[in-house]
């Protein structure tokens, strides 16, 4: 039997050292070489096991934050920066506006309006120095919360509208805007003549 194997080996065109890894069996006259895996492959394979072990310890036992938790933390920072930017630049935030509406925003806005806005817009917003807020005509906005907010926030100094962000908080501006929306199209008696553009 060993003689036959030796004969087979002599018939093959073997490179130097391949006779040591030649397997003794053959399939239909074809013999195999038992080539070892490359070192880099073995290193990657066993390294994967080592990484998985430490990964399991870190996240399952030591309670390290998951990718989702890290994302939420980083996103919270982004939201905070966005809110600061909005506050500084008078950008309308619909989500915040709706939240303020739920928190008695209109009632609180009425107090802000009566404390600060009556000298120009009179009680119930019928208009005096400032325009009538109870009709469907608007000068500097389109009568929506999103377009009224920057007018209150930034003011219109050339037309006598103060920059209220200098004296009111962001929340108070949202509140007074929510109150002004309730005056729209109420057509209070004694209202000032329409000014600006009609908004359907």
N, C-alpha and C. Protein backbone atom coordinates (compact mmCIF):
# COMPACT_ATOMS: atom_id res chain seq x y z
N UNK A 1 0.83 -1.21 0.00
CA UNK A 1 0.00 0.00 0.00
C UNK A 1 0.86 1.25 0.00
N UNK A 2 1.88 1.26 0.81
CA UNK A 2 2.78 2.41 0.88
C UNK A 2 3.55 2.58 -0.40
N UNK A 3 3.83 1.48 -1.09
CA UNK A 3 4.55 1.58 -2.37
C UNK A 3 3.68 2.30 -3.40
N UNK A 4 2.36 1.97 -3.37
CA UNK A 4 1.45 2.62 -4.33
C UNK A 4 1.39 4.13 -4.08
N UNK A 5 1.34 4.49 -2.79
CA UNK A 5 1.30 5.92 -2.47
C UNK A 5 2.56 6.63 -2.95
N UNK A 6 3.67 5.98 -2.73
CA UNK A 6 4.94 6.57 -3.19
C UNK A 6 4.96 6.72 -4.71
N UNK A 7 4.36 5.70 -5.39
CA UNK A 7 4.32 5.77 -6.86
C UNK A 7 3.46 6.95 -7.32
N UNK A 8 2.32 7.09 -6.60
CA UNK A 8 1.43 8.21 -6.95
C UNK A 8 2.13 9.55 -6.75
N UNK A 9 2.87 9.67 -5.66
CA UNK A 9 3.56 10.92 -5.36
C UNK A 9 4.60 11.25 -6.41
N UNK A 10 5.21 10.20 -6.93
CA UNK A 10 6.25 10.45 -7.93
C UNK A 10 5.64 10.88 -9.25
N UNK A 11 4.38 10.45 -9.50
CA UNK A 11 3.73 10.81 -10.76
C UNK A 11 3.23 12.26 -10.73
N UNK A 12 2.95 12.78 -9.53
CA UNK A 12 2.44 14.15 -9.42
C UNK A 12 3.56 15.16 -9.60
N UNK A 13 3.17 16.35 -10.09
CA UNK A 13 4.14 17.45 -10.20
C UNK A 13 4.01 18.27 -8.93
N UNK A 14 4.76 17.94 -7.95
CA UNK A 14 4.68 18.61 -6.65
C UNK A 14 5.75 19.69 -6.53
N UNK A 15 5.32 20.80 -5.92
CA UNK A 15 6.27 21.85 -5.61
C UNK A 15 7.06 21.43 -4.37
N UNK A 16 8.09 22.17 -4.09
CA UNK A 16 8.93 21.84 -2.93
C UNK A 16 8.13 21.93 -1.63
N UNK A 17 8.16 20.87 -0.83
CA UNK A 17 7.48 20.84 0.45
C UNK A 17 6.04 20.35 0.37
N UNK A 18 5.46 20.26 -0.85
CA UNK A 18 4.07 19.85 -0.97
C UNK A 18 3.85 18.38 -0.64
N UNK A 19 4.93 17.58 -0.72
CA UNK A 19 4.78 16.16 -0.39
C UNK A 19 4.40 15.97 1.08
N UNK A 20 4.70 16.99 1.93
CA UNK A 20 4.37 16.90 3.36
C UNK A 20 2.90 17.16 3.65
N UNK A 21 2.21 17.86 2.72
CA UNK A 21 0.80 18.18 2.96
C UNK A 21 -0.12 17.42 1.99
N UNK A 22 0.46 16.47 1.27
CA UNK A 22 -0.35 15.67 0.35
C UNK A 22 -1.15 14.64 1.14
N UNK A 23 -2.45 14.61 0.96
CA UNK A 23 -3.31 13.66 1.66
C UNK A 23 -3.18 12.28 1.01
N UNK A 24 -3.37 11.25 1.83
CA UNK A 24 -3.16 9.88 1.35
C UNK A 24 -4.31 9.34 0.51
N UNK A 25 -5.47 9.96 0.58
CA UNK A 25 -6.59 9.43 -0.20
C UNK A 25 -6.71 10.17 -1.52
N UNK A 26 -7.44 9.58 -2.44
CA UNK A 26 -7.69 10.22 -3.74
C UNK A 26 -9.12 9.95 -4.16
N UNK A 27 -9.64 10.86 -4.98
CA UNK A 27 -10.99 10.73 -5.51
C UNK A 27 -10.89 10.72 -7.03
N UNK A 28 -11.26 9.61 -7.62
CA UNK A 28 -11.15 9.45 -9.08
C UNK A 28 -9.76 9.82 -9.58
N UNK A 29 -8.78 9.43 -8.80
CA UNK A 29 -7.41 9.69 -9.20
C UNK A 29 -6.92 11.09 -8.90
N UNK A 30 -7.76 11.87 -8.22
CA UNK A 30 -7.36 13.25 -7.86
C UNK A 30 -6.97 13.28 -6.39
N UNK A 31 -5.78 13.77 -6.12
CA UNK A 31 -5.32 13.89 -4.73
C UNK A 31 -5.34 15.35 -4.28
N UNK A 32 -5.54 15.52 -2.96
CA UNK A 32 -5.66 16.87 -2.40
C UNK A 32 -4.42 17.26 -1.61
N UNK A 33 -4.20 18.54 -1.58
CA UNK A 33 -3.18 19.09 -0.70
C UNK A 33 -3.89 19.70 0.51
N UNK A 34 -3.39 19.43 1.70
CA UNK A 34 -3.99 19.97 2.92
C UNK A 34 -3.34 21.33 3.24
N UNK A 35 -3.72 22.36 2.44
CA UNK A 35 -3.12 23.69 2.62
C UNK A 35 -3.64 24.34 3.90
N UNK A 36 -2.76 24.83 4.74
CA UNK A 36 -3.23 25.50 5.96
C UNK A 36 -3.82 26.88 5.62
N UNK A 37 -4.73 27.38 6.47
CA UNK A 37 -5.30 28.71 6.28
C UNK A 37 -4.23 29.77 6.51
N UNK A 38 -4.34 30.91 5.81
CA UNK A 38 -3.34 31.97 6.02
C UNK A 38 -3.40 32.51 7.45
N UNK A 39 -2.28 33.00 7.91
CA UNK A 39 -2.20 33.52 9.28
C UNK A 39 -3.16 34.67 9.51
N UNK A 40 -3.31 35.59 8.51
CA UNK A 40 -4.20 36.73 8.66
C UNK A 40 -5.64 36.29 8.85
N UNK A 41 -6.02 35.18 8.16
CA UNK A 41 -7.40 34.69 8.28
C UNK A 41 -7.64 34.14 9.68
N UNK A 42 -6.66 33.38 10.19
CA UNK A 42 -6.79 32.82 11.54
C UNK A 42 -6.85 33.94 12.58
N UNK A 43 -6.01 34.97 12.36
CA UNK A 43 -5.99 36.09 13.30
C UNK A 43 -7.36 36.80 13.32
N UNK A 44 -7.94 36.99 12.13
CA UNK A 44 -9.25 37.63 12.04
C UNK A 44 -10.33 36.78 12.71
N UNK A 45 -10.26 35.47 12.46
CA UNK A 45 -11.27 34.55 13.01
C UNK A 45 -11.23 34.53 14.53
N UNK A 46 -10.05 34.33 15.10
CA UNK A 46 -9.94 34.27 16.56
C UNK A 46 -10.13 35.66 17.19
N UNK A 47 -9.70 36.70 16.45
CA UNK A 47 -9.92 38.06 16.92
C UNK A 47 -11.40 38.38 17.04
N UNK A 48 -12.21 37.83 16.13
CA UNK A 48 -13.66 38.01 16.18
C UNK A 48 -14.24 37.44 17.46
N UNK A 49 -13.75 36.27 17.86
CA UNK A 49 -14.21 35.66 19.12
C UNK A 49 -13.84 36.53 20.32
N UNK A 50 -12.59 37.04 20.30
CA UNK A 50 -12.14 37.88 21.41
C UNK A 50 -12.96 39.17 21.48
N UNK A 51 -13.22 39.76 20.31
CA UNK A 51 -14.02 40.99 20.27
C UNK A 51 -15.43 40.73 20.80
N UNK A 52 -16.02 39.62 20.38
CA UNK A 52 -17.39 39.28 20.82
C UNK A 52 -17.44 39.10 22.33
N UNK A 53 -16.41 38.50 22.90
CA UNK A 53 -16.37 38.26 24.35
C UNK A 53 -16.36 39.60 25.10
N UNK A 54 -15.45 40.50 24.71
CA UNK A 54 -15.37 41.79 25.39
C UNK A 54 -16.60 42.66 25.11
N UNK A 55 -17.15 42.53 23.90
CA UNK A 55 -18.37 43.26 23.54
C UNK A 55 -19.52 42.83 24.45
N UNK A 56 -19.65 41.53 24.67
CA UNK A 56 -20.71 40.99 25.53
C UNK A 56 -20.54 41.51 26.96
N UNK A 57 -19.31 41.47 27.45
CA UNK A 57 -19.03 41.95 28.82
C UNK A 57 -19.39 43.43 28.94
N UNK A 58 -18.96 44.22 27.94
CA UNK A 58 -19.14 45.67 27.98
C UNK A 58 -20.61 46.08 27.97
N UNK A 59 -21.40 45.45 27.08
CA UNK A 59 -22.78 45.91 26.90
C UNK A 59 -23.80 45.13 27.73
N UNK A 60 -23.57 43.85 27.96
CA UNK A 60 -24.55 43.04 28.68
C UNK A 60 -24.32 43.02 30.19
N UNK A 61 -23.08 43.18 30.60
CA UNK A 61 -22.79 43.09 32.03
C UNK A 61 -22.48 44.47 32.62
N UNK A 62 -21.63 45.24 31.91
CA UNK A 62 -21.24 46.55 32.43
C UNK A 62 -22.25 47.66 32.08
N UNK A 63 -23.18 47.37 31.18
CA UNK A 63 -24.25 48.32 30.86
C UNK A 63 -23.81 49.53 30.07
N UNK A 64 -22.87 49.37 29.16
CA UNK A 64 -22.45 50.50 28.31
C UNK A 64 -23.62 50.94 27.44
N UNK A 65 -23.69 52.24 27.08
CA UNK A 65 -24.83 52.72 26.27
C UNK A 65 -24.86 52.08 24.88
N UNK A 66 -26.06 51.76 24.42
CA UNK A 66 -26.22 51.18 23.09
C UNK A 66 -26.13 52.29 22.04
N UNK A 67 -26.07 51.91 20.78
CA UNK A 67 -26.04 52.89 19.70
C UNK A 67 -27.30 53.75 19.70
N UNK A 68 -28.44 53.13 20.01
CA UNK A 68 -29.70 53.87 20.07
C UNK A 68 -29.66 54.92 21.18
N UNK A 69 -29.13 54.53 22.34
CA UNK A 69 -29.04 55.45 23.47
C UNK A 69 -28.07 56.60 23.16
N UNK A 70 -26.95 56.27 22.51
CA UNK A 70 -25.98 57.30 22.14
C UNK A 70 -26.60 58.27 21.13
N UNK A 71 -27.39 57.71 20.19
CA UNK A 71 -28.06 58.56 19.20
C UNK A 71 -29.03 59.52 19.88
N UNK A 72 -29.84 59.00 20.82
CA UNK A 72 -30.81 59.84 21.53
C UNK A 72 -30.11 60.97 22.29
N UNK A 73 -28.98 60.64 22.90
CA UNK A 73 -28.23 61.64 23.67
C UNK A 73 -27.70 62.73 22.74
N UNK A 74 -27.13 62.32 21.62
CA UNK A 74 -26.57 63.29 20.67
C UNK A 74 -27.69 64.11 20.01
N UNK A 75 -28.82 63.45 19.73
CA UNK A 75 -29.94 64.15 19.10
C UNK A 75 -30.55 65.18 20.04
N UNK A 76 -30.55 64.87 21.35
CA UNK A 76 -31.07 65.82 22.34
C UNK A 76 -30.23 67.10 22.33
N UNK A 77 -28.91 66.95 22.15
CA UNK A 77 -28.03 68.12 22.07
C UNK A 77 -28.37 68.95 20.83
N UNK A 78 -28.61 68.25 19.71
CA UNK A 78 -28.97 68.94 18.46
C UNK A 78 -30.28 69.70 18.63
N UNK A 79 -31.27 69.05 19.27
CA UNK A 79 -32.57 69.70 19.48
C UNK A 79 -32.42 70.95 20.35
N UNK A 80 -31.56 70.84 21.36
CA UNK A 80 -31.32 71.99 22.25
C UNK A 80 -30.70 73.15 21.49
N UNK A 81 -29.73 72.83 20.63
CA UNK A 81 -29.09 73.87 19.81
C UNK A 81 -30.09 74.49 18.83
N UNK A 82 -30.96 73.62 18.27
CA UNK A 82 -31.97 74.10 17.33
C UNK A 82 -32.94 75.05 18.02
N UNK A 83 -33.33 74.69 19.24
CA UNK A 83 -34.25 75.53 20.00
C UNK A 83 -33.61 76.89 20.32
N UNK A 84 -32.32 76.86 20.68
CA UNK A 84 -31.61 78.12 20.96
C UNK A 84 -31.54 78.99 19.71
N UNK A 85 -31.29 78.33 18.58
CA UNK A 85 -31.24 79.06 17.31
C UNK A 85 -32.60 79.68 17.00
N UNK A 86 -33.66 78.88 17.17
CA UNK A 86 -35.01 79.37 16.90
C UNK A 86 -35.35 80.57 17.79
N UNK A 87 -34.97 80.45 19.07
CA UNK A 87 -35.24 81.54 20.01
C UNK A 87 -34.49 82.80 19.61
N UNK A 88 -33.26 82.63 19.18
CA UNK A 88 -32.43 83.79 18.85
C UNK A 88 -32.85 84.44 17.54
N UNK A 89 -33.48 83.67 16.65
CA UNK A 89 -33.78 84.19 15.32
C UNK A 89 -35.27 84.31 15.01
N UNK A 90 -36.10 84.09 16.01
CA UNK A 90 -37.54 84.24 15.81
C UNK A 90 -38.14 83.25 14.84
N UNK A 91 -37.62 82.03 14.84
CA UNK A 91 -38.14 80.99 13.96
C UNK A 91 -39.32 80.30 14.65
N UNK A 92 -40.43 80.18 13.95
CA UNK A 92 -41.64 79.58 14.51
C UNK A 92 -41.49 78.08 14.62
N UNK A 93 -41.80 77.54 15.81
CA UNK A 93 -41.74 76.10 16.07
C UNK A 93 -43.16 75.60 16.33
N UNK A 94 -43.72 74.91 15.35
CA UNK A 94 -45.12 74.48 15.45
C UNK A 94 -45.35 73.53 16.61
N UNK A 95 -44.38 72.63 16.86
CA UNK A 95 -44.51 71.67 17.96
C UNK A 95 -44.62 72.41 19.29
N UNK A 96 -43.77 73.42 19.47
CA UNK A 96 -43.80 74.20 20.70
C UNK A 96 -45.11 74.99 20.80
N UNK A 97 -45.55 75.53 19.67
CA UNK A 97 -46.79 76.30 19.65
C UNK A 97 -47.97 75.42 20.09
N UNK A 98 -48.06 74.21 19.55
CA UNK A 98 -49.16 73.30 19.90
C UNK A 98 -49.10 72.90 21.37
N UNK A 99 -47.87 72.72 21.88
CA UNK A 99 -47.71 72.37 23.31
C UNK A 99 -48.18 73.52 24.19
N UNK A 100 -47.90 74.76 23.79
CA UNK A 100 -48.32 75.93 24.57
C UNK A 100 -49.84 76.09 24.52
N UNK A 101 -50.43 75.77 23.37
CA UNK A 101 -51.89 75.81 23.26
C UNK A 101 -52.55 74.88 24.28
N UNK A 102 -51.97 73.70 24.44
CA UNK A 102 -52.52 72.73 25.39
C UNK A 102 -52.35 73.19 26.83
N UNK A 103 -51.35 74.03 27.06
CA UNK A 103 -51.06 74.50 28.42
C UNK A 103 -51.70 75.88 28.66
N UNK A 104 -52.98 76.00 28.36
CA UNK A 104 -53.72 77.27 28.56
C UNK A 104 -53.03 78.45 27.88
N UNK A 105 -52.48 78.19 26.70
CA UNK A 105 -51.74 79.24 25.99
C UNK A 105 -52.59 80.46 25.67
N UNK A 106 -53.86 80.23 25.26
CA UNK A 106 -54.72 81.36 24.88
C UNK A 106 -55.01 82.25 26.08
N UNK A 107 -55.34 81.62 27.22
CA UNK A 107 -55.64 82.39 28.44
C UNK A 107 -54.43 83.21 28.86
N UNK A 108 -53.28 82.57 28.88
CA UNK A 108 -52.05 83.26 29.28
C UNK A 108 -51.71 84.34 28.26
N UNK A 109 -51.98 84.05 26.98
CA UNK A 109 -51.71 85.02 25.93
C UNK A 109 -52.59 86.25 26.05
N UNK A 110 -53.81 86.05 26.51
CA UNK A 110 -54.70 87.20 26.72
C UNK A 110 -54.13 88.14 27.77
N UNK A 111 -53.57 87.58 28.83
CA UNK A 111 -52.95 88.39 29.88
C UNK A 111 -51.76 89.18 29.31
N UNK A 112 -50.93 88.49 28.50
CA UNK A 112 -49.78 89.16 27.87
C UNK A 112 -50.27 90.28 26.95
N UNK A 113 -51.32 90.01 26.18
CA UNK A 113 -51.87 91.00 25.25
C UNK A 113 -52.39 92.22 26.00
N UNK A 114 -53.18 91.96 27.04
CA UNK A 114 -53.78 93.07 27.80
C UNK A 114 -52.74 93.89 28.55
N UNK A 115 -51.62 93.27 28.89
CA UNK A 115 -50.55 93.97 29.60
C UNK A 115 -49.69 94.81 28.65
N UNK A 116 -49.52 94.32 27.42
CA UNK A 116 -48.54 94.95 26.53
C UNK A 116 -49.10 95.53 25.23
N UNK A 117 -50.20 95.00 24.73
CA UNK A 117 -50.62 95.33 23.36
C UNK A 117 -51.81 96.27 23.26
N UNK A 118 -52.56 96.43 24.34
CA UNK A 118 -53.77 97.27 24.31
C UNK A 118 -53.48 98.72 23.90
N UNK A 119 -52.36 99.34 24.33
CA UNK A 119 -52.11 100.73 23.93
C UNK A 119 -52.15 100.94 22.42
N UNK A 120 -51.76 99.96 21.63
CA UNK A 120 -51.75 100.12 20.17
C UNK A 120 -52.92 99.43 19.48
N UNK A 121 -53.35 98.29 20.04
CA UNK A 121 -54.39 97.50 19.36
C UNK A 121 -55.75 97.55 20.07
N UNK A 122 -55.80 98.22 21.20
CA UNK A 122 -57.03 98.34 22.00
C UNK A 122 -57.51 96.97 22.51
N UNK A 123 -58.49 97.04 23.39
CA UNK A 123 -59.04 95.82 23.97
C UNK A 123 -59.70 94.99 22.86
N UNK A 124 -59.50 93.67 22.96
CA UNK A 124 -60.02 92.71 21.98
C UNK A 124 -59.45 92.91 20.58
N UNK A 125 -58.39 93.71 20.48
CA UNK A 125 -57.65 93.83 19.23
C UNK A 125 -58.35 94.60 18.13
N UNK A 126 -59.25 95.56 18.48
CA UNK A 126 -60.01 96.27 17.44
C UNK A 126 -59.20 97.32 16.71
N UNK A 127 -57.99 97.61 17.21
CA UNK A 127 -57.10 98.52 16.50
C UNK A 127 -57.19 99.96 16.93
N UNK A 128 -56.04 100.61 16.95
CA UNK A 128 -55.96 102.05 17.25
C UNK A 128 -54.77 102.58 16.47
N UNK A 129 -53.62 102.74 17.15
CA UNK A 129 -52.39 103.07 16.42
C UNK A 129 -52.02 101.87 15.54
N UNK A 130 -52.15 100.70 16.14
CA UNK A 130 -51.90 99.46 15.41
C UNK A 130 -53.15 99.02 14.66
N UNK A 131 -53.01 98.06 13.74
CA UNK A 131 -54.14 97.62 12.93
C UNK A 131 -55.18 96.81 13.71
N UNK A 132 -56.35 96.70 13.11
CA UNK A 132 -57.42 95.88 13.64
C UNK A 132 -57.05 94.41 13.46
N UNK A 133 -57.05 93.64 14.55
CA UNK A 133 -56.68 92.22 14.49
C UNK A 133 -57.89 91.31 14.40
N UNK A 134 -59.10 91.92 14.29
CA UNK A 134 -60.31 91.10 14.31
C UNK A 134 -60.94 90.91 12.93
N UNK A 135 -60.33 91.50 11.91
CA UNK A 135 -60.88 91.31 10.56
C UNK A 135 -60.01 90.33 9.77
N UNK A 136 -60.21 90.29 8.45
CA UNK A 136 -59.44 89.33 7.63
C UNK A 136 -58.34 90.02 6.82
N UNK A 137 -57.95 91.23 7.25
CA UNK A 137 -56.90 91.99 6.56
C UNK A 137 -55.63 92.01 7.40
N UNK A 138 -54.50 91.77 6.73
CA UNK A 138 -53.22 91.73 7.45
C UNK A 138 -52.19 92.53 6.68
N UNK A 139 -51.36 93.24 7.44
CA UNK A 139 -50.35 94.11 6.83
C UNK A 139 -49.01 93.40 6.68
N UNK A 140 -48.53 92.82 7.77
CA UNK A 140 -47.16 92.27 7.80
C UNK A 140 -47.12 90.75 7.85
N UNK A 141 -48.27 90.11 7.82
CA UNK A 141 -48.28 88.65 7.87
C UNK A 141 -49.47 88.14 7.06
N UNK A 142 -49.69 86.84 7.14
CA UNK A 142 -50.83 86.23 6.45
C UNK A 142 -51.88 85.75 7.44
N UNK A 143 -51.75 86.21 8.68
CA UNK A 143 -52.75 85.87 9.68
C UNK A 143 -52.63 84.50 10.29
N UNK A 144 -51.54 83.80 10.01
CA UNK A 144 -51.32 82.46 10.56
C UNK A 144 -50.34 82.56 11.74
N UNK A 145 -50.35 81.57 12.63
CA UNK A 145 -49.37 81.59 13.73
C UNK A 145 -47.93 81.67 13.22
N UNK A 146 -47.65 80.94 12.15
CA UNK A 146 -46.27 80.90 11.61
C UNK A 146 -45.83 82.25 11.07
N UNK A 147 -46.77 83.05 10.54
CA UNK A 147 -46.38 84.36 10.00
C UNK A 147 -46.56 85.48 11.03
N UNK A 148 -47.41 85.26 12.01
CA UNK A 148 -47.57 86.27 13.07
C UNK A 148 -46.42 86.25 14.07
N UNK A 149 -45.89 85.05 14.32
CA UNK A 149 -44.83 84.91 15.32
C UNK A 149 -43.63 85.81 15.03
N UNK A 150 -43.04 85.76 13.83
CA UNK A 150 -41.87 86.62 13.59
C UNK A 150 -42.18 88.11 13.64
N UNK A 151 -43.44 88.48 13.33
CA UNK A 151 -43.82 89.91 13.41
C UNK A 151 -43.76 90.38 14.86
N UNK A 152 -44.28 89.53 15.77
CA UNK A 152 -44.23 89.88 17.19
C UNK A 152 -42.80 89.81 17.71
N UNK A 153 -42.10 88.76 17.32
CA UNK A 153 -40.74 88.53 17.80
C UNK A 153 -39.79 89.65 17.36
N UNK A 154 -39.78 89.91 16.06
CA UNK A 154 -38.83 90.91 15.51
C UNK A 154 -39.38 92.32 15.50
N UNK A 155 -40.73 92.43 15.56
CA UNK A 155 -41.36 93.74 15.45
C UNK A 155 -41.29 94.27 14.02
N UNK A 156 -41.89 95.43 13.82
CA UNK A 156 -41.77 96.14 12.54
C UNK A 156 -41.48 97.60 12.92
N UNK A 157 -40.25 97.87 13.33
CA UNK A 157 -39.91 99.19 13.90
C UNK A 157 -40.28 100.38 13.01
N UNK A 158 -40.15 100.21 11.67
CA UNK A 158 -40.46 101.33 10.76
C UNK A 158 -41.95 101.67 10.75
N UNK A 159 -42.79 100.73 11.25
CA UNK A 159 -44.23 100.99 11.31
C UNK A 159 -44.72 101.10 12.75
N UNK A 160 -43.79 101.20 13.68
CA UNK A 160 -44.16 101.41 15.08
C UNK A 160 -44.39 100.16 15.90
N UNK A 161 -44.19 98.99 15.29
CA UNK A 161 -44.38 97.73 16.03
C UNK A 161 -43.08 97.39 16.77
N UNK A 162 -43.09 97.37 18.11
CA UNK A 162 -41.85 97.11 18.86
C UNK A 162 -41.31 95.69 18.64
N UNK A 163 -40.04 95.53 18.89
CA UNK A 163 -39.41 94.20 18.88
C UNK A 163 -39.67 93.56 20.24
N UNK A 164 -40.70 92.73 20.31
CA UNK A 164 -41.14 92.21 21.61
C UNK A 164 -40.20 91.16 22.20
N UNK A 165 -39.33 90.61 21.39
CA UNK A 165 -38.38 89.62 21.94
C UNK A 165 -37.41 90.27 22.91
N UNK A 166 -37.33 91.59 22.89
CA UNK A 166 -36.45 92.31 23.82
C UNK A 166 -37.06 92.39 25.21
N UNK A 167 -38.39 92.26 25.30
CA UNK A 167 -39.03 92.41 26.62
C UNK A 167 -39.91 91.23 27.02
N UNK A 168 -40.29 90.40 26.06
CA UNK A 168 -41.11 89.21 26.36
C UNK A 168 -40.28 87.95 26.18
N UNK A 169 -40.61 86.93 26.95
CA UNK A 169 -39.94 85.64 26.78
C UNK A 169 -40.48 84.96 25.52
N UNK A 170 -39.75 83.96 25.04
CA UNK A 170 -40.17 83.21 23.87
C UNK A 170 -41.55 82.60 24.10
N UNK A 171 -41.75 82.08 25.31
CA UNK A 171 -43.02 81.44 25.65
C UNK A 171 -44.17 82.45 25.63
N UNK A 172 -43.91 83.64 26.14
CA UNK A 172 -44.95 84.68 26.15
C UNK A 172 -45.33 85.10 24.73
N UNK A 173 -44.36 85.10 23.84
CA UNK A 173 -44.65 85.45 22.45
C UNK A 173 -45.55 84.39 21.82
N UNK A 174 -45.24 83.11 22.07
CA UNK A 174 -46.12 82.04 21.57
C UNK A 174 -47.52 82.19 22.15
N UNK A 175 -47.61 82.53 23.42
CA UNK A 175 -48.91 82.67 24.08
C UNK A 175 -49.72 83.81 23.46
N UNK A 176 -49.10 84.97 23.27
CA UNK A 176 -49.84 86.11 22.72
C UNK A 176 -50.24 85.85 21.27
N UNK A 177 -49.41 85.13 20.54
CA UNK A 177 -49.76 84.75 19.16
C UNK A 177 -51.00 83.85 19.18
N UNK A 178 -51.02 82.92 20.13
CA UNK A 178 -52.18 82.01 20.22
C UNK A 178 -53.45 82.79 20.54
N UNK A 179 -53.34 83.84 21.35
CA UNK A 179 -54.52 84.66 21.68
C UNK A 179 -54.96 85.47 20.46
N UNK A 180 -54.02 86.04 19.74
CA UNK A 180 -54.34 86.84 18.55
C UNK A 180 -55.09 85.99 17.53
N UNK A 181 -54.75 84.69 17.44
CA UNK A 181 -55.44 83.81 16.50
C UNK A 181 -56.93 83.70 16.82
N UNK A 182 -57.29 83.82 18.10
CA UNK A 182 -58.71 83.71 18.48
C UNK A 182 -59.47 84.98 18.12
N UNK A 183 -58.76 86.10 17.87
CA UNK A 183 -59.41 87.36 17.51
C UNK A 183 -59.72 87.43 16.01
N UNK A 184 -58.97 86.69 15.24
CA UNK A 184 -59.06 86.72 13.78
C UNK A 184 -60.49 86.42 13.32
N UNK A 185 -61.03 87.31 12.45
CA UNK A 185 -62.37 87.15 11.87
C UNK A 185 -63.51 87.21 12.88
N UNK A 186 -63.28 87.79 14.06
CA UNK A 186 -64.39 87.95 15.01
C UNK A 186 -65.15 89.25 14.75
N UNK A 187 -64.53 90.18 14.00
CA UNK A 187 -65.18 91.44 13.58
C UNK A 187 -65.87 92.14 14.77
N UNK A 188 -65.02 92.46 15.74
CA UNK A 188 -65.54 93.14 16.93
C UNK A 188 -66.10 94.51 16.56
N UNK A 189 -67.19 94.91 17.22
CA UNK A 189 -67.77 96.24 16.92
C UNK A 189 -66.80 97.36 17.26
N UNK A 190 -66.83 98.44 16.47
CA UNK A 190 -65.96 99.59 16.70
C UNK A 190 -64.55 99.38 16.19
N UNK A 191 -64.36 98.34 15.38
CA UNK A 191 -63.02 98.03 14.87
C UNK A 191 -62.51 99.05 13.87
N UNK A 192 -61.22 99.21 13.84
CA UNK A 192 -60.56 100.12 12.90
C UNK A 192 -60.78 99.63 11.47
N UNK A 193 -60.78 100.57 10.53
CA UNK A 193 -60.98 100.23 9.12
C UNK A 193 -59.89 99.26 8.65
N UNK A 194 -60.23 98.35 7.72
CA UNK A 194 -59.25 97.36 7.25
C UNK A 194 -58.00 98.00 6.68
N UNK A 195 -56.87 97.32 6.93
CA UNK A 195 -55.58 97.74 6.38
C UNK A 195 -54.86 96.51 5.83
N UNK A 196 -54.06 96.71 4.84
CA UNK A 196 -53.28 95.60 4.31
C UNK A 196 -54.03 94.76 3.30
N UNK A 197 -53.68 93.48 3.25
CA UNK A 197 -54.23 92.56 2.25
C UNK A 197 -55.24 91.60 2.88
N UNK A 198 -56.27 91.33 2.13
CA UNK A 198 -57.28 90.40 2.61
C UNK A 198 -56.76 88.97 2.52
N UNK A 199 -56.94 88.23 3.61
CA UNK A 199 -56.50 86.83 3.65
C UNK A 199 -57.73 85.98 3.86
N UNK A 200 -58.00 85.13 2.88
CA UNK A 200 -59.20 84.26 2.99
C UNK A 200 -58.98 83.17 4.02
